[in-house]
Amino acid sequence: MTKLSSIPEICQASRELLEAAGFSDAESLAKVGADELARELERANKVLRITKLAPDRSSVEGWISSACRLTGLPNGRAVEVVLPVNHEILPEVAAILENAPFAIPLSARLLVDRELSVADIPPAILLNRYSGDLEVKVEERIPAPKHGRAITTSNNLRIADTSATRKEIDTSRIKTFEEMGVPTARPFAPIPVNGDDRIALIRAARVETNRSRDPQSRRYIRGVLHSHPISIGFGALVTLVISMMLPLGIVSALLLLLSVEIPARFDWVPKWILAFPLSLPLLGIAYLIWGLQGKCRICNQKIFVPKVCLKSSKAHHIRGLGHVIPVSIHILLFKWFRCPYCETPVRLKK
C-alpha cells in the first residue's frame, strides 16, 4: 500500500484533507475520478476548514495521475467508485425518519420492560454514508417479550434476567408500630462530675467550675480536658510574648544602631532597650520547648505554629493576626480554646 506522502505534489494540508475525505493511500486515489474527488474535497473542507481554499480540479487531476504511475493502475478511472451519498437531506427520507416508530434512542427501562438484550436490536443505517440507491422499508412492529430465556449482556450495558416471576409481599406478616410497640428513647442524663472520676472528668468540667456562669458566654469552660494543661498554658504565654517582642526587638536593634552611627540625631534612644533584642534568644528557646510542643488533644495538630490550610469556621480568628495569637489570648483569658483544625473545644481547667 503506497502512502500519500510518496506523491510530492501533495502538501501536508492536502494530505490531511484527503485522509478526512476517506482517501488514505495512493491506491484509493488512483481509482477515483477528478470531478468527484474535487467535489468531495470541497465539501470536506467546508466542514473541517483544513485549508483556506479547496484544491482545484487541475491539481486533483495531477494527484490522480501521479497515484496511477506509482501504483501501476491505468489512468482514467479503471475501477468505478461510488462515493457516499447523504440520503438524509432528501425530503422523502426526512419524512420517513420523522414518522419512524423506532427512530429514537432506546432507554434501559424500555429494554427491561420488553425483556430485550442489546444484541436483539438491529444497528441503524447511516444514511449519510450509504452508497448507491436506498430502499427503505417501514414496518409497524413492536418486539414481543421473550420469556424463558436469559438476556445476554453487552460491554456497555448489563440487564438483569427478569424471566422469573417476582414474589409478592405477604401483607399478613406486616405489623404496625402500635402492634410492635415503639421503643421509647431513653432521656439523656448528664454525667455528674463531682468526684475525681477520671473518665467523667475528661468529658466535662466539675460542677463547681462553671457555677453561676452563663453557658453561652466565653467564660463558661467547656470541652475535653487536655492531658498537659500547664504546658499548653506556658505555650500560649510564650507564643503571645514572642509575638510582641519580635517586632520590638527588631525596632530596638535598629534604633540602637542608628544611635551609634548618627548620635547627633538619635541621642534620645535609651540604652535599656537593648533588653528587647537580647531577650529574643531566651524566648526562642522557650518557644521551642512549649510553643512547638503545644498540640490539640484530639487531632494532634500544633496549635501555636502557623499553618496554611483550611481552618474551621468556628476557630478563634482576628483579621490581620490570623489564628495563633487569638488562640493564645483565648487560652490565657478563658482557660479553654477551640482547635482551629478539628473544631473540638479543649479546656485546661478541671
Protein backbone atom coordinates (compact mmCIF):
# COMPACT_ATOMS: atom_id res chain seq x y z
CA MET A 1 0.00 0.00 0.00
CA THR A 2 1.56 3.26 -1.17
CA LYS A 3 1.26 6.24 1.19
CA LEU A 4 0.11 9.67 0.07
CA SER A 5 3.43 11.12 1.24
CA SER A 6 5.06 9.35 -1.76
CA ILE A 7 3.34 11.84 -4.08
CA PRO A 8 5.49 15.03 -3.95
CA GLU A 9 2.74 17.28 -5.36
CA ILE A 10 0.53 16.76 -2.28
CA CYS A 11 1.36 19.05 0.64
CA GLN A 12 0.70 18.31 4.32
CA ALA A 13 -2.63 20.18 4.43
CA SER A 14 -3.84 18.47 1.28
CA ARG A 15 -2.90 15.06 2.70
CA GLU A 16 -4.94 15.79 5.83
CA LEU A 17 -7.88 16.85 3.65
CA LEU A 18 -7.62 13.68 1.53
CA GLU A 19 -7.48 11.48 4.65
CA ALA A 20 -10.50 13.27 6.10
CA ALA A 21 -12.39 12.57 2.88
CA GLY A 22 -11.53 8.86 3.07
CA PHE A 23 -8.52 8.62 0.72
CA SER A 24 -5.64 7.41 2.90
CA ASP A 25 -3.41 5.81 0.26
CA ALA A 26 -2.40 6.18 -3.38
CA GLU A 27 -4.42 3.13 -4.48
CA SER A 28 -7.74 4.68 -3.42
CA LEU A 29 -6.69 7.98 -5.02
CA ALA A 30 -5.93 6.29 -8.35
CA LYS A 31 -9.39 4.72 -8.56
CA VAL A 32 -11.46 7.91 -8.27
CA GLY A 33 -12.38 10.44 -10.90
CA ALA A 34 -11.10 14.02 -10.83
CA ASP A 35 -14.54 15.68 -10.78
CA GLU A 36 -15.90 13.50 -7.97
CA LEU A 37 -12.75 13.92 -5.88
CA ALA A 38 -12.72 17.71 -6.33
CA ARG A 39 -16.36 17.96 -5.16
CA GLU A 40 -15.72 15.66 -2.19
CA LEU A 41 -12.66 17.65 -1.09
CA GLU A 42 -14.53 20.93 -1.37
CA ARG A 43 -17.39 19.51 0.73
CA ALA A 44 -14.99 18.20 3.38
CA ASN A 45 -13.05 21.47 3.55
CA LYS A 46 -16.24 23.46 4.16
CA VAL A 47 -16.87 21.40 7.27
CA LEU A 48 -13.33 20.91 8.60
CA ARG A 49 -11.66 24.18 7.46
CA ILE A 50 -8.31 22.48 6.94
CA THR A 51 -7.15 24.78 4.11
CA LYS A 52 -8.19 28.25 3.06
CA LEU A 53 -9.17 27.08 -0.44
CA ALA A 54 -10.01 23.59 -1.59
CA PRO A 55 -7.73 22.13 -4.31
CA ASP A 56 -8.88 22.89 -7.85
CA ARG A 57 -9.59 20.28 -10.50
CA SER A 58 -6.21 20.60 -12.23
CA SER A 59 -4.32 19.88 -9.00
CA VAL A 60 -6.59 16.94 -8.23
CA GLU A 61 -6.08 15.55 -11.72
CA GLY A 62 -2.30 15.79 -11.29
CA TRP A 63 -2.51 13.90 -7.99
CA ILE A 64 -4.53 11.14 -9.63
CA SER A 65 -2.02 10.84 -12.48
CA SER A 66 0.90 10.58 -10.03
CA ALA A 67 -1.00 7.99 -8.00
CA CYS A 68 -1.64 5.92 -11.11
CA ARG A 69 2.06 5.98 -12.03
CA LEU A 70 3.08 4.88 -8.52
CA THR A 71 0.53 2.09 -8.20
CA GLY A 72 0.62 0.88 -11.81
CA LEU A 73 -3.12 1.32 -12.27
CA PRO A 74 -4.28 2.69 -15.61
CA ASN A 75 -5.42 6.27 -15.63
CA GLY A 76 -8.96 7.15 -16.44
CA ARG A 77 -10.92 5.58 -13.55
CA ALA A 78 -10.09 1.95 -14.12
CA VAL A 79 -12.44 0.97 -11.30
CA GLU A 80 -15.73 2.76 -10.84
CA VAL A 81 -16.06 4.01 -7.27
CA VAL A 82 -19.40 5.10 -5.89
CA LEU A 83 -18.92 7.84 -3.32
CA PRO A 84 -21.17 8.00 -0.25
CA VAL A 85 -24.46 9.79 -0.79
CA ASN A 86 -26.14 11.71 2.01
CA HIS A 87 -29.75 10.49 1.80
CA GLU A 88 -30.78 12.34 4.96
CA ILE A 89 -31.17 15.58 3.03
CA LEU A 90 -33.86 14.10 0.78
CA PRO A 91 -37.37 15.21 1.76
CA GLU A 92 -38.80 11.70 1.40
CA VAL A 93 -36.18 10.17 3.69
CA ALA A 94 -36.58 13.01 6.20
CA ALA A 95 -40.34 12.35 6.35
CA ILE A 96 -39.72 8.61 6.87
CA LEU A 97 -37.27 9.29 9.70
CA GLU A 98 -39.70 11.69 11.36
CA ASN A 99 -42.52 9.12 11.35
CA ALA A 100 -40.35 6.10 12.10
CA PRO A 101 -41.61 4.34 15.25
CA PHE A 102 -38.14 3.25 16.42
CA ALA A 103 -36.05 6.22 15.23
CA ILE A 104 -35.32 7.24 18.85
CA PRO A 105 -32.69 6.03 21.35
CA LEU A 106 -33.90 3.11 23.43
CA SER A 107 -33.62 3.55 27.18
CA ALA A 108 -32.57 0.84 29.60
CA ARG A 109 -36.06 0.86 31.13
CA LEU A 110 -37.63 0.01 27.75
CA LEU A 111 -35.19 -2.85 27.27
CA VAL A 112 -36.03 -4.25 30.70
CA ASP A 113 -39.79 -3.90 30.19
CA ARG A 114 -39.62 -5.64 26.78
CA GLU A 115 -37.08 -8.17 28.04
CA LEU A 116 -34.72 -7.38 25.19
CA SER A 117 -30.98 -7.60 25.00
CA VAL A 118 -28.72 -5.22 23.14
CA ALA A 119 -28.00 -7.94 20.56
CA ASP A 120 -31.72 -8.15 19.69
CA ILE A 121 -31.77 -4.54 18.39
CA PRO A 122 -30.52 -4.22 14.78
CA PRO A 123 -27.96 -1.48 14.08
CA ALA A 124 -29.23 1.64 12.36
CA ILE A 125 -28.21 2.55 8.80
CA LEU A 126 -26.02 5.64 8.47
CA LEU A 127 -27.79 7.31 5.57
CA ASN A 128 -25.03 9.87 5.00
CA ARG A 129 -22.52 7.02 4.39
CA TYR A 130 -24.70 4.77 2.22
CA SER A 131 -23.51 4.26 -1.36
CA GLY A 132 -25.90 4.00 -4.28
CA ASP A 133 -29.69 3.79 -4.25
CA LEU A 134 -31.51 3.25 -0.99
CA GLU A 135 -34.63 1.23 -0.39
CA VAL A 136 -36.29 1.99 2.93
CA LYS A 137 -38.91 -0.36 4.37
CA VAL A 138 -41.17 0.69 7.24
CA GLU A 139 -42.80 -2.00 9.38
CA GLU A 140 -45.24 -1.34 12.22
CA ARG A 141 -43.96 -3.99 14.60
CA ILE A 142 -43.19 -3.96 18.31
CA PRO A 143 -40.76 -6.63 19.54
CA ALA A 144 -42.59 -9.19 21.65
CA PRO A 145 -41.26 -10.23 25.06
CA LYS A 146 -39.15 -13.36 25.05
CA HIS A 147 -40.00 -15.43 28.10
CA GLY A 148 -37.93 -18.32 29.39
CA ARG A 149 -34.59 -17.07 28.04
CA ALA A 150 -31.79 -15.37 29.87
CA ILE A 151 -30.94 -11.96 28.48
CA THR A 152 -27.42 -11.50 27.20
CA THR A 153 -25.19 -8.62 28.15
CA SER A 154 -23.03 -6.21 26.18
CA ASN A 155 -19.83 -4.43 27.08
CA ASN A 156 -21.64 -1.19 27.95
CA LEU A 157 -25.00 -2.34 29.38
CA ARG A 158 -25.89 -5.15 31.71
CA ILE A 159 -29.54 -6.12 32.10
CA ALA A 160 -30.79 -8.44 34.78
CA ASP A 161 -32.74 -11.54 33.89
CA THR A 162 -36.40 -10.75 34.64
CA SER A 163 -37.82 -14.00 33.32
CA ALA A 164 -38.53 -15.30 36.83
CA THR A 165 -41.77 -14.15 38.33
CA ARG A 166 -41.48 -11.60 41.10
CA LYS A 167 -42.55 -12.79 44.52
CA GLU A 168 -45.39 -10.87 46.05
CA ILE A 169 -45.11 -9.39 49.54
CA ASP A 170 -47.05 -11.23 52.18
CA THR A 171 -49.04 -8.42 53.76
CA SER A 172 -50.33 -10.67 56.52
CA ARG A 173 -46.90 -10.65 58.12
CA ILE A 174 -46.68 -6.86 58.21
CA LYS A 175 -47.28 -5.29 61.62
CA THR A 176 -47.83 -1.70 62.57
CA PHE A 177 -45.75 0.29 65.03
CA GLU A 178 -48.57 0.12 67.56
CA GLU A 179 -48.61 -3.70 67.36
CA MET A 180 -44.85 -3.96 67.62
CA GLY A 181 -44.62 -1.38 70.35
CA VAL A 182 -42.45 1.62 69.58
CA PRO A 183 -39.48 1.69 71.96
CA THR A 184 -39.23 4.89 73.90
CA ALA A 185 -35.94 6.74 73.72
CA ARG A 186 -34.05 6.98 76.94
CA PRO A 187 -33.56 10.56 78.08
CA PHE A 188 -30.03 11.82 78.14
CA ALA A 189 -28.66 12.05 81.63
CA PRO A 190 -25.61 14.23 82.18
CA ILE A 191 -22.73 12.57 83.92
CA PRO A 192 -22.16 14.06 87.37
CA VAL A 193 -18.61 15.20 87.82
CA ASN A 194 -18.40 15.91 91.49
CA GLY A 195 -15.65 13.45 92.35
CA ASP A 196 -12.35 12.60 90.76
CA ASP A 197 -13.65 10.05 88.29
CA ARG A 198 -11.03 10.15 85.54
CA ILE A 199 -13.25 9.38 82.54
CA ALA A 200 -16.02 11.75 83.63
CA LEU A 201 -13.51 14.47 84.35
CA ILE A 202 -12.06 14.23 80.86
CA ARG A 203 -15.52 14.60 79.29
CA ALA A 204 -16.85 17.55 81.30
CA ALA A 205 -15.73 20.03 83.92
CA ARG A 206 -16.71 19.85 87.55
CA VAL A 207 -19.98 21.40 88.61
CA GLU A 208 -18.32 23.98 90.85
CA THR A 209 -16.03 25.07 87.97
CA ASN A 210 -18.89 26.59 85.94
CA ARG A 211 -21.18 27.51 88.80
CA SER A 212 -23.01 30.83 88.20
CA ARG A 213 -21.59 31.09 84.69
CA ASP A 214 -23.67 31.59 81.57
CA PRO A 215 -23.33 28.50 79.28
CA GLN A 216 -23.49 30.78 76.24
CA SER A 217 -20.59 33.00 77.30
CA ARG A 218 -16.89 32.53 76.69
CA ARG A 219 -16.27 32.36 80.44
CA TYR A 220 -18.06 29.02 80.52
CA ILE A 221 -15.28 26.41 80.49
CA ARG A 222 -16.17 23.61 78.06
CA GLY A 223 -14.62 20.79 76.07
CA VAL A 224 -12.48 17.79 76.87
CA LEU A 225 -9.69 18.11 79.39
CA HIS A 226 -6.21 18.45 77.90
CA SER A 227 -3.63 15.93 79.03
CA HIS A 228 -0.97 18.66 79.56
CA PRO A 229 -2.84 21.83 80.56
CA ILE A 230 0.16 23.50 82.21
CA SER A 231 2.33 23.02 79.12
CA ILE A 232 -0.42 24.44 76.92
CA GLY A 233 -0.75 27.46 79.20
CA PHE A 234 3.00 28.14 79.07
CA GLY A 235 2.94 27.66 75.31
CA ALA A 236 0.17 30.26 74.92
CA LEU A 237 2.04 32.73 77.16
CA VAL A 238 5.37 32.27 75.37
CA THR A 239 3.73 32.50 71.93
CA LEU A 240 1.96 35.72 72.85
CA VAL A 241 5.09 37.28 74.37
CA ILE A 242 7.38 36.38 71.49
CA SER A 243 4.80 37.72 69.03
CA MET A 244 5.09 41.11 70.73
CA MET A 245 8.82 41.03 71.46
CA LEU A 246 9.91 40.07 67.96
CA PRO A 247 8.91 43.38 66.29
CA LEU A 248 10.06 45.32 69.37
CA GLY A 249 13.46 43.62 69.25
CA ILE A 250 13.91 44.41 65.56
CA VAL A 251 12.95 48.06 66.03
CA SER A 252 15.14 48.39 69.16
CA ALA A 253 18.16 46.94 67.40
CA LEU A 254 17.66 49.34 64.51
CA LEU A 255 17.37 52.36 66.84
CA LEU A 256 20.49 51.36 68.76
CA LEU A 257 22.41 51.02 65.52
CA LEU A 258 21.28 54.47 64.39
CA SER A 259 22.21 55.99 67.77
CA VAL A 260 25.75 54.69 67.31
CA GLU A 261 26.07 55.77 63.67
CA ILE A 262 24.22 59.10 63.98
CA PRO A 263 24.49 60.14 67.64
CA ALA A 264 23.53 63.77 66.98
CA ARG A 265 20.02 62.87 65.77
CA PHE A 266 19.38 59.69 67.79
CA ASP A 267 20.85 60.65 71.17
CA TRP A 268 17.39 60.25 72.72
CA VAL A 269 17.46 56.45 72.32
CA PRO A 270 17.88 54.87 75.81
CA LYS A 271 20.35 52.07 76.33
CA TRP A 272 17.92 49.87 78.22
CA ILE A 273 16.00 48.96 75.05
CA LEU A 274 18.90 46.58 74.38
CA ALA A 275 16.97 44.19 76.62
CA PHE A 276 14.41 43.58 73.84
CA PRO A 277 16.78 42.04 71.25
CA LEU A 278 18.73 40.23 74.00
CA SER A 279 15.57 38.54 75.24
CA LEU A 280 14.73 37.07 71.84
CA PRO A 281 17.11 34.04 72.11
CA LEU A 282 15.67 33.13 75.51
CA LEU A 283 12.13 33.48 74.23
CA GLY A 284 13.07 31.39 71.20
CA ILE A 285 14.28 28.57 73.43
CA ALA A 286 11.09 28.77 75.49
CA TYR A 287 9.03 28.66 72.30
CA LEU A 288 10.90 25.56 71.15
CA ILE A 289 10.13 23.88 74.48
CA TRP A 290 6.47 24.83 74.99
CA GLY A 291 5.22 26.53 71.83
CA LEU A 292 6.18 23.88 69.28
CA GLN A 293 5.04 21.09 71.59
CA GLY A 294 1.56 22.52 72.14
CA LYS A 295 -0.85 20.19 70.33
CA CYS A 296 -4.58 19.54 70.25
CA ARG A 297 -5.61 16.55 72.33
CA ILE A 298 -7.96 15.27 69.59
CA CYS A 299 -6.30 15.85 66.19
CA ASN A 300 -2.70 16.22 67.46
CA GLN A 301 -2.15 19.36 65.36
CA LYS A 302 0.27 22.05 66.60
CA ILE A 303 -1.91 24.94 67.67
CA PHE A 304 0.88 27.55 68.20
CA VAL A 305 2.52 27.04 64.79
CA PRO A 306 1.16 29.00 61.78
CA LYS A 307 -0.04 26.62 59.08
CA VAL A 308 -1.53 27.47 55.71
CA CYS A 309 -4.61 25.28 55.44
CA LEU A 310 -8.38 25.46 55.65
CA LYS A 311 -9.33 26.36 59.20
CA SER A 312 -12.60 25.70 60.98
CA SER A 313 -15.32 28.31 60.63
CA LYS A 314 -15.61 28.46 64.46
CA ALA A 315 -11.88 28.89 65.07
CA HIS A 316 -10.61 31.88 67.04
CA HIS A 317 -9.55 34.45 64.47
CA ILE A 318 -8.67 38.13 64.33
CA ARG A 319 -8.33 39.82 60.97
CA GLY A 320 -4.68 40.65 60.33
CA LEU A 321 -3.40 38.49 63.19
CA GLY A 322 -4.52 35.07 61.99
CA HIS A 323 -5.38 32.20 64.35
CA VAL A 324 -2.33 31.57 66.57
CA ILE A 325 -2.42 34.82 68.58
CA PRO A 326 -6.22 34.72 69.13
CA VAL A 327 -5.96 31.11 70.36
CA SER A 328 -3.21 32.12 72.80
CA ILE A 329 -5.26 35.05 74.11
CA HIS A 330 -8.34 32.88 74.47
CA ILE A 331 -6.39 30.25 76.43
CA LEU A 332 -4.95 32.80 78.86
CA LEU A 333 -8.27 34.58 79.42
CA PHE A 334 -10.82 31.76 79.49
CA LYS A 335 -8.80 28.59 80.20
CA TRP A 336 -10.18 26.75 77.17
CA PHE A 337 -9.88 27.01 73.37
CA ARG A 338 -11.40 25.66 70.20
CA CYS A 339 -8.97 23.81 67.94
CA PRO A 340 -8.57 25.68 64.61
CA TYR A 341 -8.24 22.38 62.73
CA CYS A 342 -10.75 19.89 64.18
CA GLU A 343 -13.08 22.46 65.86
CA THR A 344 -13.06 20.48 69.14
CA PRO A 345 -13.27 22.54 72.35
CA VAL A 346 -10.45 21.71 74.74
CA ARG A 347 -10.23 23.00 78.31
CA LEU A 348 -7.28 23.45 80.64
CA LYS A 349 -9.18 23.51 83.92
CA LYS A 350 -10.80 20.64 85.72
